[in-house]
PDB file of N, CA and C in Angstrom:
ATOM      1  N   MET A   1     -35.376  39.300 -14.354  1.00  0.00           N
ATOM      2  CA  MET A   1     -34.785  37.875 -12.789  1.00  0.00           C
ATOM      3  C   MET A   1     -36.240  37.008 -12.573  1.00  0.00           C
ATOM      4  N   PHE A   2     -37.122  37.297 -12.855  1.00  0.00           N
ATOM      5  CA  PHE A   2     -38.353  36.309 -13.378  1.00  0.00           C
ATOM      6  C   PHE A   2     -37.917  35.915 -14.340  1.00  0.00           C
ATOM      7  N   SER A   3     -38.890  35.525 -14.750  1.00  0.00           N
ATOM      8  CA  SER A   3     -39.598  34.754 -15.798  1.00  0.00           C
ATOM      9  C   SER A   3     -40.728  33.435 -15.878  1.00  0.00           C
ATOM     10  N   ALA A   4     -41.741  33.598 -16.598  1.00  0.00           N
ATOM     11  CA  ALA A   4     -43.164  33.417 -16.790  1.00  0.00           C
ATOM     12  C   ALA A   4     -42.946  32.061 -16.943  1.00  0.00           C
ATOM     13  N   GLU A   5     -44.464  31.416 -16.528  1.00  0.00           N
ATOM     14  CA  GLU A   5     -43.657  30.123 -15.867  1.00  0.00           C
ATOM     15  C   GLU A   5     -45.174  29.058 -15.806  1.00  0.00           C
ATOM     16  N   GLY A   6     -45.503  28.678 -15.325  1.00  0.00           N
ATOM     17  CA  GLY A   6     -47.090  27.983 -15.461  1.00  0.00           C
ATOM     18  C   GLY A   6     -47.829  29.130 -14.347  1.00  0.00           C
ATOM     19  N   GLY A   7     -49.123  28.731 -14.584  1.00  0.00           N
ATOM     20  CA  GLY A   7     -50.726  28.556 -13.630  1.00  0.00           C
ATOM     21  C   GLY A   7     -50.174  28.104 -12.054  1.00  0.00           C
ATOM     22  N   GLY A   8     -51.756  27.675 -11.519  1.00  0.00           N
ATOM     23  CA  GLY A   8     -51.661  27.212 -10.471  1.00  0.00           C
ATOM     24  C   GLY A   8     -51.489  25.372 -10.713  1.00  0.00           C
ATOM     25  N   GLY A   9     -51.855  24.628 -12.264  1.00  0.00           N
ATOM     26  CA  GLY A   9     -52.171  23.123 -12.054  1.00  0.00           C
ATOM     27  C   GLY A   9     -53.374  22.876 -11.762  1.00  0.00           C
ATOM     28  N   GLU A  10     -54.312  24.002 -12.499  1.00  0.00           N
ATOM     29  CA  GLU A  10     -55.387  23.565 -12.877  1.00  0.00           C
ATOM     30  C   GLU A  10     -55.663  23.406 -13.816  1.00  0.00           C
ATOM     31  N   ALA A  11     -57.292  23.673 -14.763  1.00  0.00           N
ATOM     32  CA  ALA A  11     -58.100  24.727 -16.118  1.00  0.00           C
ATOM     33  C   ALA A  11     -57.314  25.528 -16.236  1.00  0.00           C
ATOM     34  N   GLY A  12     -56.939  25.928 -16.702  1.00  0.00           N
ATOM     35  CA  GLY A  12     -57.192  27.803 -16.959  1.00  0.00           C
ATOM     36  C   GLY A  12     -58.625  28.378 -17.420  1.00  0.00           C
ATOM     37  N   ASP A  13     -58.446  29.806 -17.240  1.00  0.00           N
ATOM     38  CA  ASP A  13     -59.991  30.325 -18.405  1.00  0.00           C
ATOM     39  C   ASP A  13     -59.360  30.306 -20.021  1.00  0.00           C
ATOM     40  N   GLY A  14     -57.908  29.905 -20.306  1.00  0.00           N
ATOM     41  CA  GLY A  14     -57.889  30.595 -21.617  1.00  0.00           C
ATOM     42  C   GLY A  14     -57.624  31.876 -21.975  1.00  0.00           C
ATOM     43  N   HIS A  15     -57.346  32.781 -20.459  1.00  0.00           N
ATOM     44  CA  HIS A  15     -56.226  34.407 -20.859  1.00  0.00           C
ATOM     45  C   HIS A  15     -55.148  34.812 -19.505  1.00  0.00           C
ATOM     46  N   GLY A  16     -54.647  33.218 -19.335  1.00  0.00           N
ATOM     47  CA  GLY A  16     -53.344  33.182 -17.679  1.00  0.00           C
ATOM     48  C   GLY A  16     -54.364  32.709 -16.994  1.00  0.00           C
ATOM     49  N   ARG A  17     -55.710  33.243 -16.269  1.00  0.00           N
ATOM     50  CA  ARG A  17     -55.620  33.234 -15.263  1.00  0.00           C
ATOM     51  C   ARG A  17     -56.029  31.470 -14.624  1.00  0.00           C
ATOM     52  N   THR A  18     -56.685  31.081 -14.033  1.00  0.00           N
ATOM     53  CA  THR A  18     -56.352  30.157 -13.754  1.00  0.00           C
ATOM     54  C   THR A  18     -56.904  30.109 -12.105  1.00  0.00           C
ATOM     55  N   PRO A  19     -58.839  29.190 -11.773  1.00  0.00           N
ATOM     56  CA  PRO A  19     -58.906  29.740 -10.738  1.00  0.00           C
ATOM     57  C   PRO A  19     -58.739  29.287  -9.945  1.00  0.00           C
ATOM     58  N   ILE A  20     -58.669  29.520  -8.233  1.00  0.00           N
ATOM     59  CA  ILE A  20     -58.066  28.714  -7.402  1.00  0.00           C
ATOM     60  C   ILE A  20     -59.613  28.358  -6.424  1.00  0.00           C
ATOM     61  N   THR A  21     -58.974  26.640  -6.510  1.00  0.00           N
ATOM     62  CA  THR A  21     -60.173  26.275  -5.662  1.00  0.00           C
ATOM     63  C   THR A  21     -60.338  26.317  -4.258  1.00  0.00           C
ATOM     64  N   GLY A  22     -61.227  27.033  -3.585  1.00  0.00           N
ATOM     65  CA  GLY A  22     -61.798  27.046  -2.132  1.00  0.00           C
ATOM     66  C   GLY A  22     -61.808  28.887  -2.264  1.00  0.00           C
ATOM     67  N   ALA A  23     -61.329  29.088  -3.055  1.00  0.00           N
ATOM     68  CA  ALA A  23     -61.702  30.725  -3.213  1.00  0.00           C
ATOM     69  C   ALA A  23     -62.403  31.067  -4.446  1.00  0.00           C
ATOM     70  N   ASP A  24     -63.763  31.301  -3.883  1.00  0.00           N
ATOM     71  CA  ASP A  24     -64.157  32.179  -5.123  1.00  0.00           C
ATOM     72  C   ASP A  24     -64.042  33.504  -5.772  1.00  0.00           C
ATOM     73  N   GLY A  25     -64.065  33.582  -7.662  1.00  0.00           N
ATOM     74  CA  GLY A  25     -63.822  34.978  -7.913  1.00  0.00           C
ATOM     75  C   GLY A  25     -62.758  35.009  -7.691  1.00  0.00           C
ATOM     76  N   TRP A  26     -61.870  34.503  -7.033  1.00  0.00           N
ATOM     77  CA  TRP A  26     -59.847  34.213  -6.991  1.00  0.00           C
ATOM     78  C   TRP A  26     -59.120  33.586  -8.321  1.00  0.00           C
ATOM     79  N   ALA A  27     -58.143  33.980  -8.985  1.00  0.00           N
ATOM     80  CA  ALA A  27     -57.618  33.236  -9.725  1.00  0.00           C
ATOM     81  C   ALA A  27     -55.636  33.691  -9.411  1.00  0.00           C
ATOM     82  N   TYR A  28     -55.260  32.451  -9.792  1.00  0.00           N
ATOM     83  CA  TYR A  28     -53.733  32.292 -10.094  1.00  0.00           C
ATOM     84  C   TYR A  28     -54.011  33.290 -11.962  1.00  0.00           C
ATOM     85  N   LEU A  29     -52.638  33.933 -11.695  1.00  0.00           N
ATOM     86  CA  LEU A  29     -52.203  34.641 -12.998  1.00  0.00           C
ATOM     87  C   LEU A  29     -50.913  33.358 -13.229  1.00  0.00           C
ATOM     88  N   PRO A  30     -50.336  34.022 -14.656  1.00  0.00           N
ATOM     89  CA  PRO A  30     -48.999  32.838 -14.767  1.00  0.00           C
ATOM     90  C   PRO A  30     -47.924  33.561 -13.965  1.00  0.00           C
ATOM     91  N   PHE A  31     -47.511  32.249 -12.768  1.00  0.00           N
ATOM     92  CA  PHE A  31     -46.572  32.623 -12.277  1.00  0.00           C
ATOM     93  C   PHE A  31     -44.982  32.353 -13.107  1.00  0.00           C
ATOM     94  N   GLU A  32     -43.935  33.559 -12.193  1.00  0.00           N
ATOM     95  CA  GLU A  32     -42.949  34.014 -12.712  1.00  0.00           C
ATOM     96  C   GLU A  32     -41.430  32.816 -11.354  1.00  0.00           C
ATOM     97  N   ARG A  33     -40.879  33.079 -12.753  1.00  0.00           N
ATOM     98  CA  ARG A  33     -39.904  31.882 -11.416  1.00  0.00           C
ATOM     99  C   ARG A  33     -38.583  32.840 -12.064  1.00  0.00           C
ATOM    100  N   SER A  34     -38.007  32.690 -10.483  1.00  0.00           N
ATOM    101  CA  SER A  34     -36.028  33.264 -10.711  1.00  0.00           C
ATOM    102  C   SER A  34     -35.005  32.227 -11.032  1.00  0.00           C
ATOM    103  N   GLU A  35     -34.694  32.820 -12.217  1.00  0.00           N
ATOM    104  CA  GLU A  35     -33.641  31.953 -12.553  1.00  0.00           C
ATOM    105  C   GLU A  35     -32.562  31.925 -11.225  1.00  0.00           C
ATOM    106  N   GLU A  36     -32.520  32.689 -10.978  1.00  0.00           N
ATOM    107  CA  GLU A  36     -31.190  33.519 -10.186  1.00  0.00           C
ATOM    108  C   GLU A  36     -31.358  32.268  -8.964  1.00  0.00           C
ATOM    109  N   THR A  37     -32.797  32.589  -7.877  1.00  0.00           N
ATOM    110  CA  THR A  37     -32.762  32.055  -7.199  1.00  0.00           C
ATOM    111  C   THR A  37     -33.917  30.928  -6.841  1.00  0.00           C
ATOM    112  N   GLY A  38     -34.564  30.522  -7.832  1.00  0.00           N
ATOM    113  CA  GLY A  38     -35.172  29.234  -7.779  1.00  0.00           C
ATOM    114  C   GLY A  38     -37.016  29.580  -6.952  1.00  0.00           C
ATOM    115  N   GLU A  39     -36.660  31.314  -6.863  1.00  0.00           N
ATOM    116  CA  GLU A  39     -38.007  31.819  -5.902  1.00  0.00           C
ATOM    117  C   GLU A  39     -39.442  31.737  -6.640  1.00  0.00           C
ATOM    118  N   HIS A  40     -40.862  31.323  -6.925  1.00  0.00           N
ATOM    119  CA  HIS A  40     -41.774  31.730  -6.993  1.00  0.00           C
ATOM    120  C   HIS A  40     -42.374  33.138  -6.471  1.00  0.00           C
ATOM    121  N   ARG A  41     -43.175  33.466  -7.812  1.00  0.00           N
ATOM    122  CA  ARG A  41     -43.658  35.116  -7.602  1.00  0.00           C
ATOM    123  C   ARG A  41     -44.806  34.166  -8.240  1.00  0.00           C
ATOM    124  N   ILE A  42     -45.935  34.966  -7.714  1.00  0.00           N
ATOM    125  CA  ILE A  42     -46.998  34.318  -8.047  1.00  0.00           C
ATOM    126  C   ILE A  42     -47.933  35.180  -7.416  1.00  0.00           C
ATOM    127  N   THR A  43     -48.887  35.979  -8.485  1.00  0.00           N
ATOM    128  CA  THR A  43     -50.137  36.885  -8.042  1.00  0.00           C
ATOM    129  C   THR A  43     -51.173  36.049  -7.800  1.00  0.00           C
ATOM    130  N   LEU A  44     -52.077  36.506  -7.606  1.00  0.00           N
ATOM    131  CA  LEU A  44     -53.559  36.749  -7.409  1.00  0.00           C
ATOM    132  C   LEU A  44     -54.031  37.054  -7.948  1.00  0.00           C
ATOM    133  N   GLU A  45     -55.302  37.265  -8.344  1.00  0.00           N
ATOM    134  CA  GLU A  45     -56.491  37.853  -8.845  1.00  0.00           C
ATOM    135  C   GLU A  45     -57.520  38.042  -8.618  1.00  0.00           C
ATOM    136  N   GLY A  46     -58.301  38.955  -7.811  1.00  0.00           N
ATOM    137  CA  GLY A  46     -59.510  38.388  -8.059  1.00  0.00           C
ATOM    138  C   GLY A  46     -60.774  39.125  -8.832  1.00  0.00           C
ATOM    139  N   GLU A  47     -61.935  38.666  -8.930  1.00  0.00           N
ATOM    140  CA  GLU A  47     -62.659  39.211  -9.962  1.00  0.00           C
ATOM    141  C   GLU A  47     -62.832  40.563  -9.882  1.00  0.00           C
ATOM    142  N   ASP A  48     -62.544  41.996  -8.524  1.00  0.00           N
ATOM    143  CA  ASP A  48     -62.855  43.230  -8.953  1.00  0.00           C
ATOM    144  C   ASP A  48     -61.567  43.307  -9.710  1.00  0.00           C
ATOM    145  N   GLY A  49     -60.536  42.806  -9.919  1.00  0.00           N
ATOM    146  CA  GLY A  49     -59.543  42.913 -10.906  1.00  0.00           C
ATOM    147  C   GLY A  49     -58.323  42.786  -9.845  1.00  0.00           C
ATOM    148  N   VAL A  50     -58.811  43.593  -8.322  1.00  0.00           N
ATOM    149  CA  VAL A  50     -56.821  43.069  -7.058  1.00  0.00           C
ATOM    150  C   VAL A  50     -56.042  42.383  -7.255  1.00  0.00           C
ATOM    151  N   GLN A  51     -55.460  42.692  -7.650  1.00  0.00           N
ATOM    152  CA  GLN A  51     -54.169  41.714  -7.713  1.00  0.00           C
ATOM    153  C   GLN A  51     -53.346  41.818  -6.590  1.00  0.00           C
ATOM    154  N   VAL A  52     -52.756  40.278  -5.312  1.00  0.00           N
ATOM    155  CA  VAL A  52     -52.202  39.952  -4.628  1.00  0.00           C
ATOM    156  C   VAL A  52     -50.784  39.033  -4.839  1.00  0.00           C
ATOM    157  N   GLN A  53     -49.803  39.794  -4.576  1.00  0.00           N
ATOM    158  CA  GLN A  53     -48.248  39.314  -5.380  1.00  0.00           C
ATOM    159  C   GLN A  53     -48.000  38.105  -4.264  1.00  0.00           C
ATOM    160  N   MET A  54     -47.262  37.713  -4.412  1.00  0.00           N
ATOM    161  CA  MET A  54     -46.633  36.612  -3.264  1.00  0.00           C
ATOM    162  C   MET A  54     -45.412  35.711  -3.379  1.00  0.00           C
ATOM    163  N   THR A  55     -44.404  36.335  -3.015  1.00  0.00           N
ATOM    164  CA  THR A  55     -43.555  35.142  -3.336  1.00  0.00           C
ATOM    165  C   THR A  55     -42.551  33.774  -2.759  1.00  0.00           C
ATOM    166  N   LEU A  56     -42.438  32.792  -2.925  1.00  0.00           N
ATOM    167  CA  LEU A  56     -42.622  31.961  -1.943  1.00  0.00           C
ATOM    168  C   LEU A  56     -40.896  31.533  -2.559  1.00  0.00           C
ATOM    169  N   PRO A  57     -40.239  30.609  -1.602  1.00  0.00           N
ATOM    170  CA  PRO A  57     -39.383  29.973  -1.947  1.00  0.00           C
ATOM    171  C   PRO A  57     -39.371  28.536  -2.738  1.00  0.00           C
ATOM    172  N   ALA A  58     -38.189  29.019  -3.792  1.00  0.00           N
ATOM    173  CA  ALA A  58     -37.952  27.165  -4.871  1.00  0.00           C
ATOM    174  C   ALA A  58     -38.811  26.041  -3.828  1.00  0.00           C
ATOM    175  N   PHE A  59     -38.446  25.469  -3.214  1.00  0.00           N
ATOM    176  CA  PHE A  59     -39.075  24.075  -2.760  1.00  0.00           C
ATOM    177  C   PHE A  59     -40.884  24.452  -2.195  1.00  0.00           C
ATOM    178  N   VAL A  60     -40.937  25.192  -1.764  1.00  0.00           N
ATOM    179  CA  VAL A  60     -42.559  25.129  -1.977  1.00  0.00           C
ATOM    180  C   VAL A  60     -42.930  24.983  -3.321  1.00  0.00           C
ATOM    181  N   ALA A  61     -43.769  24.191  -4.214  1.00  0.00           N
ATOM    182  CA  ALA A  61     -44.089  23.867  -4.707  1.00  0.00           C
ATOM    183  C   ALA A  61     -44.743  23.157  -6.008  1.00  0.00           C
ATOM    184  N   GLN A  62     -45.850  22.769  -5.302  1.00  0.00           N
ATOM    185  CA  GLN A  62     -46.659  21.221  -5.144  1.00  0.00           C
ATOM    186  C   GLN A  62     -48.021  22.257  -4.729  1.00  0.00           C
ATOM    187  N   GLY A  63     -48.726  21.509  -5.033  1.00  0.00           N
ATOM    188  CA  GLY A  63     -50.037  22.497  -6.115  1.00  0.00           C
ATOM    189  C   GLY A  63     -51.178  22.908  -4.853  1.00  0.00           C
ATOM    190  N   ASP A  64     -50.605  21.280  -4.088  1.00  0.00           N
ATOM    191  CA  ASP A  64     -52.217  21.319  -2.983  1.00  0.00           C
ATOM    192  C   ASP A  64     -51.102  22.603  -1.405  1.00  0.00           C
ATOM    193  N   GLU A  65     -49.912  22.794  -1.609  1.00  0.00           N
ATOM    194  CA  GLU A  65     -48.891  23.616  -0.481  1.00  0.00           C
ATOM    195  C   GLU A  65     -48.775  25.378  -0.965  1.00  0.00           C
ATOM    196  N   LEU A  66     -49.008  24.985  -2.760  1.00  0.00           N
ATOM    197  CA  LEU A  66     -49.078  26.634  -3.039  1.00  0.00           C
ATOM    198  C   LEU A  66     -51.073  27.518  -3.098  1.00  0.00           C
ATOM    199  N   ARG A  67     -51.307  25.948  -3.073  1.00  0.00           N
ATOM    200  CA  ARG A  67     -52.904  26.779  -2.624  1.00  0.00           C
ATOM    201  C   ARG A  67     -53.477  26.746  -0.970  1.00  0.00           C
ATOM    202  N   GLU A  68     -52.418  26.184  -0.776  1.00  0.00           N
ATOM    203  CA  GLU A  68     -53.162  25.877   0.707  1.00  0.00           C
ATOM    204  C   GLU A  68     -52.418  28.175   1.209  1.00  0.00           C
ATOM    205  N   ILE A  69     -51.291  27.937   0.764  1.00  0.00           N
ATOM    206  CA  ILE A  69     -50.743  28.843   1.384  1.00  0.00           C
ATOM    207  C   ILE A  69     -51.925  30.621   0.245  1.00  0.00           C
ATOM    208  N   ALA A  70     -52.306  30.377  -0.600  1.00  0.00           N
ATOM    209  CA  ALA A  70     -52.249  31.285  -1.755  1.00  0.00           C
ATOM    210  C   ALA A  70     -54.173  31.315  -0.573  1.00  0.00           C
ATOM    211  N   LEU A  71     -54.638  30.990  -0.652  1.00  0.00           N
ATOM    212  CA  LEU A  71     -55.632  30.514   0.790  1.00  0.00           C
ATOM    213  C   LEU A  71     -55.708  31.747   2.048  1.00  0.00           C
ATOM    214  N   GLN A  72     -54.662  31.685   2.166  1.00  0.00           N
ATOM    215  CA  GLN A  72     -54.816  31.990   3.519  1.00  0.00           C
ATOM    216  C   GLN A  72     -54.096  33.791   3.171  1.00  0.00           C
ATOM    217  N   VAL A  73     -53.405  33.842   2.269  1.00  0.00           N
ATOM    218  CA  VAL A  73     -53.088  34.983   1.973  1.00  0.00           C
ATOM    219  C   VAL A  73     -54.309  35.948   1.446  1.00  0.00           C
ATOM    220  N   ILE A  74     -55.695  35.217   1.002  1.00  0.00           N
ATOM    221  CA  ILE A  74     -56.676  36.264   0.708  1.00  0.00           C
ATOM    222  C   ILE A  74     -57.187  36.436   1.664  1.00  0.00           C
ATOM    223  N   ARG A  75     -57.183  35.146   2.336  1.00  0.00           N
ATOM    224  CA  ARG A  75     -58.315  35.741   3.531  1.00  0.00           C
ATOM    225  C   ARG A  75     -57.329  36.645   4.570  1.00  0.00           C
ATOM    226  N   ALA A  76     -55.999  36.908   4.987  1.00  0.00           N
ATOM    227  CA  ALA A  76     -55.794  37.836   5.822  1.00  0.00           C
ATOM    228  C   ALA A  76     -56.522  39.117   4.170  1.00  0.00           C
ATOM    229  N   TRP A  77     -56.090  39.067   2.923  1.00  0.00           N
ATOM    230  CA  TRP A  77     -56.316  40.312   2.567  1.00  0.00           C
ATOM    231  C   TRP A  77     -57.622  40.997   2.446  1.00  0.00           C
ATOM    232  N   GLU A  78     -58.472  40.068   2.625  1.00  0.00           N
ATOM    233  CA  GLU A  78     -60.208  39.978   2.678  1.00  0.00           C
ATOM    234  C   GLU A  78     -60.242  40.423   4.332  1.00  0.00           C
ATOM    235  N   ARG A  79     -59.583  40.151   5.027  1.00  0.00           N
ATOM    236  CA  ARG A  79     -59.465  40.583   6.248  1.00  0.00           C
ATOM    237  C   ARG A  79     -59.585  42.104   6.216  1.00  0.00           C
ATOM    238  N   TRP A  80     -58.041  42.439   6.114  1.00  0.00           N
ATOM    239  CA  TRP A  80     -57.457  43.672   6.180  1.00  0.00           C
ATOM    240  C   TRP A  80     -58.680  45.041   5.317  1.00  0.00           C
ATOM    241  N   HIS A  81     -59.164  44.378   4.127  1.00  0.00           N
ATOM    242  CA  HIS A  81     -59.693  45.105   2.975  1.00  0.00           C
ATOM    243  C   HIS A  81     -60.920  45.317   3.766  1.00  0.00           C
ATOM    244  N   ASP A  82     -61.388  44.230   4.825  1.00  0.00           N
ATOM    245  CA  ASP A  82     -63.202  44.943   5.556  1.00  0.00           C
ATOM    246  C   ASP A  82     -62.469  45.839   6.629  1.00  0.00           C
ATOM    247  N   LEU A  83     -61.321  45.367   7.072  1.00  0.00           N
ATOM    248  CA  LEU A  83     -61.257  46.423   8.588  1.00  0.00           C
ATOM    249  C   LEU A  83     -60.765  47.808   8.019  1.00  0.00           C
ATOM    250  N   LYS A  84     -59.538  47.997   6.901  1.00  0.00           N
ATOM    251  CA  LYS A  84     -59.836  49.684   6.207  1.00  0.00           C
ATOM    252  C   LYS A  84     -60.613  49.815   6.171  1.00  0.00           C
ATOM    253  N   GLY A  85     -61.896  49.384   5.875  1.00  0.00           N
ATOM    254  CA  GLY A  85     -63.704  50.142   5.291  1.00  0.00           C
ATOM    255  C   GLY A  85     -64.372  50.307   6.506  1.00  0.00           C
ATOM    256  N   LEU A  86     -63.846  49.490   7.778  1.00  0.00           N
ATOM    257  CA  LEU A  86     -64.330  50.394   8.768  1.00  0.00           C
ATOM    258  C   LEU A  86     -63.594  51.026   9.463  1.00  0.00           C
ATOM    259  N   GLY A  87     -62.617  51.745   8.425  1.00  0.00           N
ATOM    260  CA  GLY A  87     -61.900  53.074   9.254  1.00  0.00           C
ATOM    261  C   GLY A  87     -60.616  52.177  11.089  1.00  0.00           C
ATOM    262  N   GLY A  88     -60.321  51.124  10.311  1.00  0.00           N
ATOM    263  CA  GLY A  88     -59.317  50.395  10.956  1.00  0.00           C
ATOM    264  C   GLY A  88     -57.779  50.835  10.491  1.00  0.00           C
TER     265      GLY A  88
END
């Protein structure tokens, strides 16, 4: 259903990871795109190897829009991870 697509529009590291500006230690992995719906499946990877996936509609395609959403998802994951560590 999903096929490989390019990264987040920034210079990659040669290993398929593209750093996310504003999120130190996080990078995009190559995007996947659904041929049926046009949706983008985007995997974000932290420097510790943790991966977070998000699926966005086809109309969310501009690099700055994707980055803003990725930053929100990363902040939410970090907050959740911090609370989980406190037993929350």
